[in-house]
Amino acid sequence: QVQLVESGGGLVQPGGSLRLSCAASGFTFSNYYGRWYRQAPGKERELVADISNGGRSTNYLSSVKGRFTISRDNAKNTVYLQMNSLKPEDTAVYYCNVVFYANNYWGQGTQVTVSS
């Protein structure tokens, strides 16, 4: 049974940090490209960051570059998103996504709220 379970969201003040985790099970995680998306109220879902299956290649949305870091631990079947210097505009539901050819799996989402 394929599962992606996200954790680490919450309420944080501007300038604060959060670390999101996405634990995978039910498939060969190390084959899959990892991605984090987010969707703010009234806006389309956008790709925040992605990481290659081996972890050597990463890409970021321009507005998060230098503040967010995507990483993965294939031994733990987990992909992470470290978010620093958070801004109110980072408020959204964050979704984990993994892709390998036609296989495309999503997590349930975790809420991140940046507010004073």
PDB file of N, CA and C in Angstrom:
ATOM      1  N   GLN A   1       0.842  -1.192   0.000  1.00  0.00           N
ATOM      2  CA  GLN A   1       0.000   0.000   0.000  1.00  0.00           C
ATOM      3  C   GLN A   1       0.881   1.247   0.000  1.00  0.00           C
ATOM      4  N   VAL A   2       0.695   2.084  -1.008  1.00  0.00           N
ATOM      5  CA  VAL A   2       1.488   3.305  -1.138  1.00  0.00           C
ATOM      6  C   VAL A   2       1.025   4.342  -0.127  1.00  0.00           C
ATOM      7  N   GLN A   3       1.978   4.910   0.592  1.00  0.00           N
ATOM      8  CA  GLN A   3       1.659   5.977   1.531  1.00  0.00           C
ATOM      9  C   GLN A   3       2.736   7.034   1.516  1.00  0.00           C
ATOM     10  N   LEU A   4       2.295   8.288   1.589  1.00  0.00           N
ATOM     11  CA  LEU A   4       3.172   9.431   1.828  1.00  0.00           C
ATOM     12  C   LEU A   4       2.577  10.189   3.005  1.00  0.00           C
ATOM     13  N   VAL A   5       3.319  10.266   4.092  1.00  0.00           N
ATOM     14  CA  VAL A   5       2.807  10.898   5.296  1.00  0.00           C
ATOM     15  C   VAL A   5       3.663  12.107   5.625  1.00  0.00           C
ATOM     16  N   GLU A   6       3.035  13.277   5.555  1.00  0.00           N
ATOM     17  CA  GLU A   6       3.740  14.521   5.830  1.00  0.00           C
ATOM     18  C   GLU A   6       3.596  14.904   7.292  1.00  0.00           C
ATOM     19  N   SER A   7       4.592  15.618   7.791  1.00  0.00           N
ATOM     20  CA  SER A   7       4.550  16.143   9.143  1.00  0.00           C
ATOM     21  C   SER A   7       5.441  17.372   9.222  1.00  0.00           C
ATOM     22  N   GLY A   8       5.275  18.120  10.321  1.00  0.00           N
ATOM     23  CA  GLY A   8       6.158  19.259  10.558  1.00  0.00           C
ATOM     24  C   GLY A   8       5.545  20.616  10.318  1.00  0.00           C
ATOM     25  N   GLY A   9       4.327  20.664   9.820  1.00  0.00           N
ATOM     26  CA  GLY A   9       3.686  21.949   9.614  1.00  0.00           C
ATOM     27  C   GLY A   9       3.252  22.571  10.927  1.00  0.00           C
ATOM     28  N   GLY A  10       2.784  23.820  10.843  1.00  0.00           N
ATOM     29  CA  GLY A  10       2.312  24.488  12.040  1.00  0.00           C
ATOM     30  C   GLY A  10       2.287  25.984  11.874  1.00  0.00           C
ATOM     31  N   LEU A  11       2.147  26.669  13.005  1.00  0.00           N
ATOM     32  CA  LEU A  11       2.118  28.125  13.059  1.00  0.00           C
ATOM     33  C   LEU A  11       3.486  28.634  13.498  1.00  0.00           C
ATOM     34  N   VAL A  12       4.020  29.575  12.755  1.00  0.00           N
ATOM     35  CA  VAL A  12       5.329  30.133  13.079  1.00  0.00           C
ATOM     36  C   VAL A  12       5.314  31.624  12.802  1.00  0.00           C
ATOM     37  N   GLN A  13       6.099  32.366  13.557  1.00  0.00           N
ATOM     38  CA  GLN A  13       6.192  33.809  13.347  1.00  0.00           C
ATOM     39  C   GLN A  13       7.070  34.118  12.139  1.00  0.00           C
ATOM     40  N   PRO A  14       6.849  35.262  11.525  1.00  0.00           N
ATOM     41  CA  PRO A  14       7.737  35.670  10.426  1.00  0.00           C
ATOM     42  C   PRO A  14       9.197  35.647  10.871  1.00  0.00           C
ATOM     43  N   GLY A  15      10.044  35.132   9.974  1.00  0.00           N
ATOM     44  CA  GLY A  15      11.454  34.969  10.298  1.00  0.00           C
ATOM     45  C   GLY A  15      11.798  33.643  10.924  1.00  0.00           C
ATOM     46  N   GLY A  16      10.798  32.877  11.282  1.00  0.00           N
ATOM     47  CA  GLY A  16      11.019  31.583  11.917  1.00  0.00           C
ATOM     48  C   GLY A  16      11.303  30.480  10.924  1.00  0.00           C
ATOM     49  N   SER A  17      11.436  29.271  11.467  1.00  0.00           N
ATOM     50  CA  SER A  17      11.788  28.107  10.648  1.00  0.00           C
ATOM     51  C   SER A  17      10.860  26.945  10.946  1.00  0.00           C
ATOM     52  N   LEU A  18      10.697  26.103   9.940  1.00  0.00           N
ATOM     53  CA  LEU A  18      10.007  24.833  10.076  1.00  0.00           C
ATOM     54  C   LEU A  18      10.710  23.815   9.191  1.00  0.00           C
ATOM     55  N   ARG A  19      10.594  22.556   9.594  1.00  0.00           N
ATOM     56  CA  ARG A  19      11.121  21.470   8.769  1.00  0.00           C
ATOM     57  C   ARG A  19       9.995  20.489   8.483  1.00  0.00           C
ATOM     58  N   LEU A  20       9.659  20.359   7.220  1.00  0.00           N
ATOM     59  CA  LEU A  20       8.641  19.400   6.811  1.00  0.00           C
ATOM     60  C   LEU A  20       9.299  18.070   6.471  1.00  0.00           C
ATOM     61  N   SER A  21       8.606  16.995   6.815  1.00  0.00           N
ATOM     62  CA  SER A  21       9.067  15.646   6.475  1.00  0.00           C
ATOM     63  C   SER A  21       7.971  14.924   5.710  1.00  0.00           C
ATOM     64  N   CYS A  22       8.384  14.038   4.833  1.00  0.00           N
ATOM     65  CA  CYS A  22       7.449  13.224   4.063  1.00  0.00           C
ATOM     66  C   CYS A  22       7.983  11.791   4.060  1.00  0.00           C
ATOM     67  N   ALA A  23       7.333  10.944   4.823  1.00  0.00           N
ATOM     68  CA  ALA A  23       7.767   9.555   4.957  1.00  0.00           C
ATOM     69  C   ALA A  23       7.005   8.676   3.974  1.00  0.00           C
ATOM     70  N   ALA A  24       7.749   7.924   3.183  1.00  0.00           N
ATOM     71  CA  ALA A  24       7.160   7.107   2.123  1.00  0.00           C
ATOM     72  C   ALA A  24       7.189   5.627   2.473  1.00  0.00           C
ATOM     73  N   SER A  25       6.202   4.906   1.997  1.00  0.00           N
ATOM     74  CA  SER A  25       6.181   3.462   2.164  1.00  0.00           C
ATOM     75  C   SER A  25       5.362   2.838   1.049  1.00  0.00           C
ATOM     76  N   GLY A  26       5.630   1.557   0.784  1.00  0.00           N
ATOM     77  CA  GLY A  26       4.846   0.823  -0.201  1.00  0.00           C
ATOM     78  C   GLY A  26       5.390   0.846  -1.612  1.00  0.00           C
ATOM     79  N   PHE A  27       6.562   1.451  -1.804  1.00  0.00           N
ATOM     80  CA  PHE A  27       7.183   1.477  -3.126  1.00  0.00           C
ATOM     81  C   PHE A  27       8.678   1.738  -2.947  1.00  0.00           C
ATOM     82  N   THR A  28       9.435   1.622  -4.032  1.00  0.00           N
ATOM     83  CA  THR A  28      10.887   1.803  -3.965  1.00  0.00           C
ATOM     84  C   THR A  28      11.209   3.282  -4.050  1.00  0.00           C
ATOM     85  N   PHE A  29      11.261   3.907  -2.899  1.00  0.00           N
ATOM     86  CA  PHE A  29      11.391   5.362  -2.794  1.00  0.00           C
ATOM     87  C   PHE A  29      12.615   5.884  -3.543  1.00  0.00           C
ATOM     88  N   SER A  30      13.711   5.184  -3.512  1.00  0.00           N
ATOM     89  CA  SER A  30      14.962   5.682  -4.094  1.00  0.00           C
ATOM     90  C   SER A  30      14.903   5.816  -5.617  1.00  0.00           C
ATOM     91  N   ASN A  31      13.894   5.250  -6.252  1.00  0.00           N
ATOM     92  CA  ASN A  31      13.719   5.414  -7.696  1.00  0.00           C
ATOM     93  C   ASN A  31      13.031   6.730  -8.052  1.00  0.00           C
ATOM     94  N   TYR A  32      12.396   7.350  -7.090  1.00  0.00           N
ATOM     95  CA  TYR A  32      11.461   8.432  -7.353  1.00  0.00           C
ATOM     96  C   TYR A  32      12.066   9.817  -7.179  1.00  0.00           C
ATOM     97  N   TYR A  33      11.705  10.704  -8.072  1.00  0.00           N
ATOM     98  CA  TYR A  33      11.979  12.126  -7.959  1.00  0.00           C
ATOM     99  C   TYR A  33      11.081  12.675  -6.855  1.00  0.00           C
ATOM    100  N   GLY A  34      11.611  13.553  -6.022  1.00  0.00           N
ATOM    101  CA  GLY A  34      10.831  14.099  -4.919  1.00  0.00           C
ATOM    102  C   GLY A  34      10.507  15.568  -5.137  1.00  0.00           C
ATOM    103  N   ARG A  35       9.308  15.976  -4.770  1.00  0.00           N
ATOM    104  CA  ARG A  35       8.887  17.369  -4.954  1.00  0.00           C
ATOM    105  C   ARG A  35       8.069  17.835  -3.757  1.00  0.00           C
ATOM    106  N   TRP A  36       8.135  19.122  -3.488  1.00  0.00           N
ATOM    107  CA  TRP A  36       7.223  19.797  -2.565  1.00  0.00           C
ATOM    108  C   TRP A  36       6.465  20.856  -3.345  1.00  0.00           C
ATOM    109  N   TYR A  37       5.149  20.811  -3.205  1.00  0.00           N
ATOM    110  CA  TYR A  37       4.268  21.818  -3.772  1.00  0.00           C
ATOM    111  C   TYR A  37       3.608  22.563  -2.616  1.00  0.00           C
ATOM    112  N   ARG A  38       3.008  23.689  -2.939  1.00  0.00           N
ATOM    113  CA  ARG A  38       2.178  24.389  -1.965  1.00  0.00           C
ATOM    114  C   ARG A  38       0.991  25.033  -2.665  1.00  0.00           C
ATOM    115  N   GLN A  39      -0.062  25.223  -1.886  1.00  0.00           N
ATOM    116  CA  GLN A  39      -1.256  25.865  -2.408  1.00  0.00           C
ATOM    117  C   GLN A  39      -1.818  26.784  -1.350  1.00  0.00           C
ATOM    118  N   ALA A  40      -1.819  28.059  -1.671  1.00  0.00           N
ATOM    119  CA  ALA A  40      -2.397  29.065  -0.779  1.00  0.00           C
ATOM    120  C   ALA A  40      -3.869  29.252  -1.130  1.00  0.00           C
ATOM    121  N   PRO A  41      -4.669  29.752  -0.183  1.00  0.00           N
ATOM    122  CA  PRO A  41      -6.097  29.951  -0.455  1.00  0.00           C
ATOM    123  C   PRO A  41      -6.322  30.833  -1.676  1.00  0.00           C
ATOM    124  N   GLY A  42      -7.161  30.368  -2.587  1.00  0.00           N
ATOM    125  CA  GLY A  42      -7.490  31.144  -3.772  1.00  0.00           C
ATOM    126  C   GLY A  42      -6.428  31.154  -4.854  1.00  0.00           C
ATOM    127  N   LYS A  43      -5.366  30.372  -4.657  1.00  0.00           N
ATOM    128  CA  LYS A  43      -4.277  30.346  -5.634  1.00  0.00           C
ATOM    129  C   LYS A  43      -4.070  28.929  -6.158  1.00  0.00           C
ATOM    130  N   GLU A  44      -3.393  28.839  -7.295  1.00  0.00           N
ATOM    131  CA  GLU A  44      -3.083  27.534  -7.868  1.00  0.00           C
ATOM    132  C   GLU A  44      -1.921  26.886  -7.117  1.00  0.00           C
ATOM    133  N   ARG A  45      -1.897  25.568  -7.175  1.00  0.00           N
ATOM    134  CA  ARG A  45      -0.791  24.840  -6.575  1.00  0.00           C
ATOM    135  C   ARG A  45       0.489  25.146  -7.351  1.00  0.00           C
ATOM    136  N   GLU A  46       1.582  25.380  -6.624  1.00  0.00           N
ATOM    137  CA  GLU A  46       2.845  25.698  -7.287  1.00  0.00           C
ATOM    138  C   GLU A  46       3.957  24.799  -6.765  1.00  0.00           C
ATOM    139  N   LEU A  47       4.890  24.510  -7.657  1.00  0.00           N
ATOM    140  CA  LEU A  47       6.040  23.691  -7.301  1.00  0.00           C
ATOM    141  C   LEU A  47       7.048  24.543  -6.535  1.00  0.00           C
ATOM    142  N   VAL A  48       7.388  24.112  -5.341  1.00  0.00           N
ATOM    143  CA  VAL A  48       8.300  24.853  -4.477  1.00  0.00           C
ATOM    144  C   VAL A  48       9.747  24.392  -4.674  1.00  0.00           C
ATOM    145  N   ALA A  49       9.940  23.081  -4.709  1.00  0.00           N
ATOM    146  CA  ALA A  49      11.301  22.536  -4.819  1.00  0.00           C
ATOM    147  C   ALA A  49      11.217  21.100  -5.295  1.00  0.00           C
ATOM    148  N   ASP A  50      12.274  20.651  -5.967  1.00  0.00           N
ATOM    149  CA  ASP A  50      12.348  19.243  -6.332  1.00  0.00           C
ATOM    150  C   ASP A  50      13.763  18.733  -6.158  1.00  0.00           C
ATOM    151  N   ILE A  51      13.878  17.407  -6.098  1.00  0.00           N
ATOM    152  CA  ILE A  51      15.168  16.770  -5.861  1.00  0.00           C
ATOM    153  C   ILE A  51      15.210  15.469  -6.646  1.00  0.00           C
ATOM    154  N   SER A  52      16.349  15.194  -7.249  1.00  0.00           N
ATOM    155  CA  SER A  52      16.494  13.975  -8.032  1.00  0.00           C
ATOM    156  C   SER A  52      16.487  12.754  -7.123  1.00  0.00           C
ATOM    157  N   ASN A  53      16.374  11.574  -7.739  1.00  0.00           N
ATOM    158  CA  ASN A  53      16.240  10.369  -6.931  1.00  0.00           C
ATOM    159  C   ASN A  53      17.456  10.117  -6.057  1.00  0.00           C
ATOM    160  N   GLY A  54      18.643  10.501  -6.553  1.00  0.00           N
ATOM    161  CA  GLY A  54      19.853  10.312  -5.756  1.00  0.00           C
ATOM    162  C   GLY A  54      20.183  11.488  -4.859  1.00  0.00           C
ATOM    163  N   GLY A  55      19.474  12.581  -5.052  1.00  0.00           N
ATOM    164  CA  GLY A  55      19.673  13.746  -4.192  1.00  0.00           C
ATOM    165  C   GLY A  55      20.704  14.740  -4.680  1.00  0.00           C
ATOM    166  N   ARG A  56      21.308  14.470  -5.833  1.00  0.00           N
ATOM    167  CA  ARG A  56      22.395  15.347  -6.289  1.00  0.00           C
ATOM    168  C   ARG A  56      21.897  16.614  -6.962  1.00  0.00           C
ATOM    169  N   SER A  57      20.694  16.586  -7.487  1.00  0.00           N
ATOM    170  CA  SER A  57      20.161  17.723  -8.236  1.00  0.00           C
ATOM    171  C   SER A  57      18.925  18.275  -7.546  1.00  0.00           C
ATOM    172  N   THR A  58      18.911  19.597  -7.343  1.00  0.00           N
ATOM    173  CA  THR A  58      17.759  20.254  -6.728  1.00  0.00           C
ATOM    174  C   THR A  58      17.396  21.512  -7.525  1.00  0.00           C
ATOM    175  N   ASN A  59      16.134  21.882  -7.419  1.00  0.00           N
ATOM    176  CA  ASN A  59      15.643  23.106  -8.060  1.00  0.00           C
ATOM    177  C   ASN A  59      14.644  23.767  -7.128  1.00  0.00           C
ATOM    178  N   TYR A  60      14.552  25.104  -7.235  1.00  0.00           N
ATOM    179  CA  TYR A  60      13.705  25.854  -6.320  1.00  0.00           C
ATOM    180  C   TYR A  60      12.900  26.920  -7.046  1.00  0.00           C
ATOM    181  N   LEU A  61      11.715  27.180  -6.512  1.00  0.00           N
ATOM    182  CA  LEU A  61      10.935  28.348  -6.897  1.00  0.00           C
ATOM    183  C   LEU A  61      11.770  29.584  -6.554  1.00  0.00           C
ATOM    184  N   SER A  62      11.769  30.553  -7.428  1.00  0.00           N
ATOM    185  CA  SER A  62      12.653  31.698  -7.231  1.00  0.00           C
ATOM    186  C   SER A  62      12.403  32.415  -5.900  1.00  0.00           C
ATOM    187  N   SER A  63      11.145  32.457  -5.471  1.00  0.00           N
ATOM    188  CA  SER A  63      10.813  33.206  -4.261  1.00  0.00           C
ATOM    189  C   SER A  63      11.275  32.510  -2.978  1.00  0.00           C
ATOM    190  N   VAL A  64      11.676  31.245  -3.064  1.00  0.00           N
ATOM    191  CA  VAL A  64      12.138  30.532  -1.866  1.00  0.00           C
ATOM    192  C   VAL A  64      13.629  30.228  -1.925  1.00  0.00           C
ATOM    193  N   LYS A  65      14.256  30.507  -3.041  1.00  0.00           N
ATOM    194  CA  LYS A  65      15.671  30.194  -3.211  1.00  0.00           C
ATOM    195  C   LYS A  65      16.495  30.932  -2.155  1.00  0.00           C
ATOM    196  N   GLY A  66      17.393  30.192  -1.505  1.00  0.00           N
ATOM    197  CA  GLY A  66      18.203  30.784  -0.447  1.00  0.00           C
ATOM    198  C   GLY A  66      17.572  30.707   0.923  1.00  0.00           C
ATOM    199  N   ARG A  67      16.273  30.386   0.987  1.00  0.00           N
ATOM    200  CA  ARG A  67      15.584  30.262   2.278  1.00  0.00           C
ATOM    201  C   ARG A  67      15.159  28.817   2.555  1.00  0.00           C
ATOM    202  N   PHE A  68      14.798  28.088   1.509  1.00  0.00           N
ATOM    203  CA  PHE A  68      14.327  26.703   1.651  1.00  0.00           C
ATOM    204  C   PHE A  68      15.395  25.742   1.124  1.00  0.00           C
ATOM    205  N   THR A  69      15.454  24.579   1.740  1.00  0.00           N
ATOM    206  CA  THR A  69      16.361  23.532   1.286  1.00  0.00           C
ATOM    207  C   THR A  69      15.624  22.204   1.248  1.00  0.00           C
ATOM    208  N   ILE A  70      15.625  21.575   0.081  1.00  0.00           N
ATOM    209  CA  ILE A  70      15.032  20.244  -0.051  1.00  0.00           C
ATOM    210  C   ILE A  70      16.156  19.211   0.075  1.00  0.00           C
ATOM    211  N   SER A  71      15.868  18.116   0.744  1.00  0.00           N
ATOM    212  CA  SER A  71      16.845  17.051   0.896  1.00  0.00           C
ATOM    213  C   SER A  71      16.093  15.723   1.028  1.00  0.00           C
ATOM    214  N   ARG A  72      16.849  14.631   1.003  1.00  0.00           N
ATOM    215  CA  ARG A  72      16.217  13.319   1.149  1.00  0.00           C
ATOM    216  C   ARG A  72      17.189  12.361   1.805  1.00  0.00           C
ATOM    217  N   ASP A  73      16.606  11.366   2.449  1.00  0.00           N
ATOM    218  CA  ASP A  73      17.367  10.280   3.037  1.00  0.00           C
ATOM    219  C   ASP A  73      16.748   8.985   2.515  1.00  0.00           C
ATOM    220  N   ASN A  74      17.380   8.399   1.523  1.00  0.00           N
ATOM    221  CA  ASN A  74      16.794   7.207   0.916  1.00  0.00           C
ATOM    222  C   ASN A  74      16.814   6.002   1.854  1.00  0.00           C
ATOM    223  N   ALA A  75      17.704   6.010   2.826  1.00  0.00           N
ATOM    224  CA  ALA A  75      17.721   4.923   3.813  1.00  0.00           C
ATOM    225  C   ALA A  75      16.501   4.990   4.731  1.00  0.00           C
ATOM    226  N   LYS A  76      15.961   6.189   4.899  1.00  0.00           N
ATOM    227  CA  LYS A  76      14.775   6.382   5.746  1.00  0.00           C
ATOM    228  C   LYS A  76      13.507   6.601   4.925  1.00  0.00           C
ATOM    229  N   ASN A  77      13.641   6.527   3.598  1.00  0.00           N
ATOM    230  CA  ASN A  77      12.481   6.729   2.716  1.00  0.00           C
ATOM    231  C   ASN A  77      11.766   8.042   3.016  1.00  0.00           C
ATOM    232  N   THR A  78      12.548   9.097   3.163  1.00  0.00           N
ATOM    233  CA  THR A  78      11.980  10.374   3.586  1.00  0.00           C
ATOM    234  C   THR A  78      12.565  11.528   2.769  1.00  0.00           C
ATOM    235  N   VAL A  79      11.708  12.463   2.418  1.00  0.00           N
ATOM    236  CA  VAL A  79      12.144  13.714   1.791  1.00  0.00           C
ATOM    237  C   VAL A  79      11.773  14.849   2.735  1.00  0.00           C
ATOM    238  N   TYR A  80      12.639  15.849   2.786  1.00  0.00           N
ATOM    239  CA  TYR A  80      12.489  16.944   3.742  1.00  0.00           C
ATOM    240  C   TYR A  80      12.414  18.286   3.007  1.00  0.00           C
ATOM    241  N   LEU A  81      11.830  19.258   3.697  1.00  0.00           N
ATOM    242  CA  LEU A  81      11.894  20.641   3.245  1.00  0.00           C
ATOM    243  C   LEU A  81      12.192  21.505   4.464  1.00  0.00           C
ATOM    244  N   GLN A  82      13.419  22.000   4.526  1.00  0.00           N
ATOM    245  CA  GLN A  82      13.809  22.926   5.592  1.00  0.00           C
ATOM    246  C   GLN A  82      13.457  24.332   5.132  1.00  0.00           C
ATOM    247  N   MET A  83      12.655  25.020   5.921  1.00  0.00           N
ATOM    248  CA  MET A  83      12.174  26.353   5.559  1.00  0.00           C
ATOM    249  C   MET A  83      12.650  27.350   6.604  1.00  0.00           C
ATOM    250  N   ASN A  84      13.484  28.275   6.185  1.00  0.00           N
ATOM    251  CA  ASN A  84      14.013  29.313   7.068  1.00  0.00           C
ATOM    252  C   ASN A  84      13.539  30.685   6.615  1.00  0.00           C
ATOM    253  N   SER A  85      13.676  31.658   7.480  1.00  0.00           N
ATOM    254  CA  SER A  85      13.292  33.040   7.171  1.00  0.00           C
ATOM    255  C   SER A  85      11.895  33.092   6.572  1.00  0.00           C
ATOM    256  N   LEU A  86      10.981  32.425   7.216  1.00  0.00           N
ATOM    257  CA  LEU A  86       9.622  32.317   6.673  1.00  0.00           C
ATOM    258  C   LEU A  86       8.916  33.660   6.638  1.00  0.00           C
ATOM    259  N   LYS A  87       8.101  33.833   5.618  1.00  0.00           N
ATOM    260  CA  LYS A  87       7.360  35.070   5.393  1.00  0.00           C
ATOM    261  C   LYS A  87       5.864  34.757   5.382  1.00  0.00           C
ATOM    262  N   PRO A  88       5.028  35.743   5.660  1.00  0.00           N
ATOM    263  CA  PRO A  88       3.578  35.502   5.611  1.00  0.00           C
ATOM    264  C   PRO A  88       3.121  34.932   4.263  1.00  0.00           C
ATOM    265  N   GLU A  89       3.777  35.324   3.201  1.00  0.00           N
ATOM    266  CA  GLU A  89       3.383  34.829   1.878  1.00  0.00           C
ATOM    267  C   GLU A  89       3.752  33.358   1.655  1.00  0.00           C
ATOM    268  N   ASP A  90       4.463  32.753   2.590  1.00  0.00           N
ATOM    269  CA  ASP A  90       4.745  31.315   2.523  1.00  0.00           C
ATOM    270  C   ASP A  90       3.580  30.497   3.100  1.00  0.00           C
ATOM    271  N   THR A  91       2.606  31.161   3.660  1.00  0.00           N
ATOM    272  CA  THR A  91       1.449  30.467   4.227  1.00  0.00           C
ATOM    273  C   THR A  91       0.705  29.693   3.142  1.00  0.00           C
ATOM    274  N   ALA A  92       0.533  28.401   3.370  1.00  0.00           N
ATOM    275  CA  ALA A  92      -0.101  27.527   2.381  1.00  0.00           C
ATOM    276  C   ALA A  92      -0.204  26.120   2.955  1.00  0.00           C
ATOM    277  N   VAL A  93      -0.919  25.271   2.245  1.00  0.00           N
ATOM    278  CA  VAL A  93      -0.843  23.839   2.495  1.00  0.00           C
ATOM    279  C   VAL A  93       0.290  23.302   1.628  1.00  0.00           C
ATOM    280  N   TYR A  94       1.201  22.580   2.248  1.00  0.00           N
ATOM    281  CA  TYR A  94       2.358  22.030   1.555  1.00  0.00           C
ATOM    282  C   TYR A  94       2.140  20.535   1.306  1.00  0.00           C
ATOM    283  N   TYR A  95       2.400  20.128   0.072  1.00  0.00           N
ATOM    284  CA  TYR A  95       2.170  18.747  -0.349  1.00  0.00           C
ATOM    285  C   TYR A  95       3.473  18.105  -0.812  1.00  0.00           C
ATOM    286  N   CYS A  96       3.661  16.887  -0.396  1.00  0.00           N
ATOM    287  CA  CYS A  96       4.763  16.073  -0.875  1.00  0.00           C
ATOM    288  C   CYS A  96       4.288  15.308  -2.116  1.00  0.00           C
ATOM    289  N   ASN A  97       5.173  15.175  -3.094  1.00  0.00           N
ATOM    290  CA  ASN A  97       4.853  14.468  -4.336  1.00  0.00           C
ATOM    291  C   ASN A  97       6.088  13.696  -4.787  1.00  0.00           C
ATOM    292  N   VAL A  98       5.881  12.468  -5.233  1.00  0.00           N
ATOM    293  CA  VAL A  98       6.987  11.692  -5.793  1.00  0.00           C
ATOM    294  C   VAL A  98       6.567  11.148  -7.144  1.00  0.00           C
ATOM    295  N   VAL A  99       7.521  11.102  -8.063  1.00  0.00           N
ATOM    296  CA  VAL A  99       7.233  10.718  -9.440  1.00  0.00           C
ATOM    297  C   VAL A  99       8.306   9.771  -9.959  1.00  0.00           C
ATOM    298  N   PHE A 100       7.845   8.718 -10.657  1.00  0.00           N
ATOM    299  CA  PHE A 100       8.746   7.807 -11.358  1.00  0.00           C
ATOM    300  C   PHE A 100       8.010   7.309 -12.575  1.00  0.00           C
ATOM    301  N   TYR A 101       8.360   7.812 -13.736  1.00  0.00           N
ATOM    302  CA  TYR A 101       7.647   7.518 -14.976  1.00  0.00           C
ATOM    303  C   TYR A 101       6.148   7.810 -14.782  1.00  0.00           C
ATOM    304  N   ALA A 102       5.288   6.846 -14.974  1.00  0.00           N
ATOM    305  CA  ALA A 102       3.846   7.090 -14.882  1.00  0.00           C
ATOM    306  C   ALA A 102       3.329   7.044 -13.447  1.00  0.00           C
ATOM    307  N   ASN A 103       4.174   6.691 -12.511  1.00  0.00           N
ATOM    308  CA  ASN A 103       3.751   6.620 -11.105  1.00  0.00           C
ATOM    309  C   ASN A 103       3.910   7.986 -10.441  1.00  0.00           C
ATOM    310  N   ASN A 104       2.830   8.454  -9.873  1.00  0.00           N
ATOM    311  CA  ASN A 104       2.791   9.815  -9.330  1.00  0.00           C
ATOM    312  C   ASN A 104       1.967   9.777  -8.054  1.00  0.00           C
ATOM    313  N   TYR A 105       2.613   9.965  -6.893  1.00  0.00           N
ATOM    314  CA  TYR A 105       1.922   9.836  -5.618  1.00  0.00           C
ATOM    315  C   TYR A 105       1.978  11.158  -4.847  1.00  0.00           C
ATOM    316  N   TRP A 106       0.898  11.392  -4.086  1.00  0.00           N
ATOM    317  CA  TRP A 106       0.775  12.632  -3.319  1.00  0.00           C
ATOM    318  C   TRP A 106       0.524  12.332  -1.845  1.00  0.00           C
ATOM    319  N   GLY A 107       1.048  13.219  -1.002  1.00  0.00           N
ATOM    320  CA  GLY A 107       0.698  13.184   0.401  1.00  0.00           C
ATOM    321  C   GLY A 107      -0.592  13.943   0.639  1.00  0.00           C
ATOM    322  N   GLN A 108      -1.034  13.950   1.890  1.00  0.00           N
ATOM    323  CA  GLN A 108      -2.321  14.547   2.236  1.00  0.00           C
ATOM    324  C   GLN A 108      -2.226  16.057   2.471  1.00  0.00           C
ATOM    325  N   GLY A 109      -1.010  16.562   2.588  1.00  0.00           N
ATOM    326  CA  GLY A 109      -0.814  17.985   2.816  1.00  0.00           C
ATOM    327  C   GLY A 109      -0.644  18.330   4.287  1.00  0.00           C
ATOM    328  N   THR A 110       0.143  19.355   4.540  1.00  0.00           N
ATOM    329  CA  THR A 110       0.333  19.850   5.898  1.00  0.00           C
ATOM    330  C   THR A 110       0.283  21.377   5.863  1.00  0.00           C
ATOM    331  N   GLN A 111      -0.451  21.960   6.808  1.00  0.00           N
ATOM    332  CA  GLN A 111      -0.657  23.408   6.817  1.00  0.00           C
ATOM    333  C   GLN A 111       0.548  24.112   7.428  1.00  0.00           C
ATOM    334  N   VAL A 112       1.016  25.130   6.738  1.00  0.00           N
ATOM    335  CA  VAL A 112       2.044  26.034   7.254  1.00  0.00           C
ATOM    336  C   VAL A 112       1.444  27.430   7.302  1.00  0.00           C
ATOM    337  N   THR A 113       1.445  28.036   8.471  1.00  0.00           N
ATOM    338  CA  THR A 113       0.915  29.376   8.648  1.00  0.00           C
ATOM    339  C   THR A 113       1.994  30.255   9.257  1.00  0.00           C
ATOM    340  N   VAL A 114       2.301  31.336   8.554  1.00  0.00           N
ATOM    341  CA  VAL A 114       3.322  32.278   9.021  1.00  0.00           C
ATOM    342  C   VAL A 114       2.614  33.568   9.399  1.00  0.00           C
ATOM    343  N   SER A 115       2.584  33.845  10.695  1.00  0.00           N
ATOM    344  CA  SER A 115       1.827  34.994  11.176  1.00  0.00           C
ATOM    345  C   SER A 115       2.340  35.414  12.540  1.00  0.00           C
ATOM    346  N   SER A 116       2.263  36.715  12.792  1.00  0.00           N
ATOM    347  CA  SER A 116       2.634  37.215  14.105  1.00  0.00           C
ATOM    348  C   SER A 116       1.407  37.308  15.000  1.00  0.00           C
TER     349      SER A 116
END
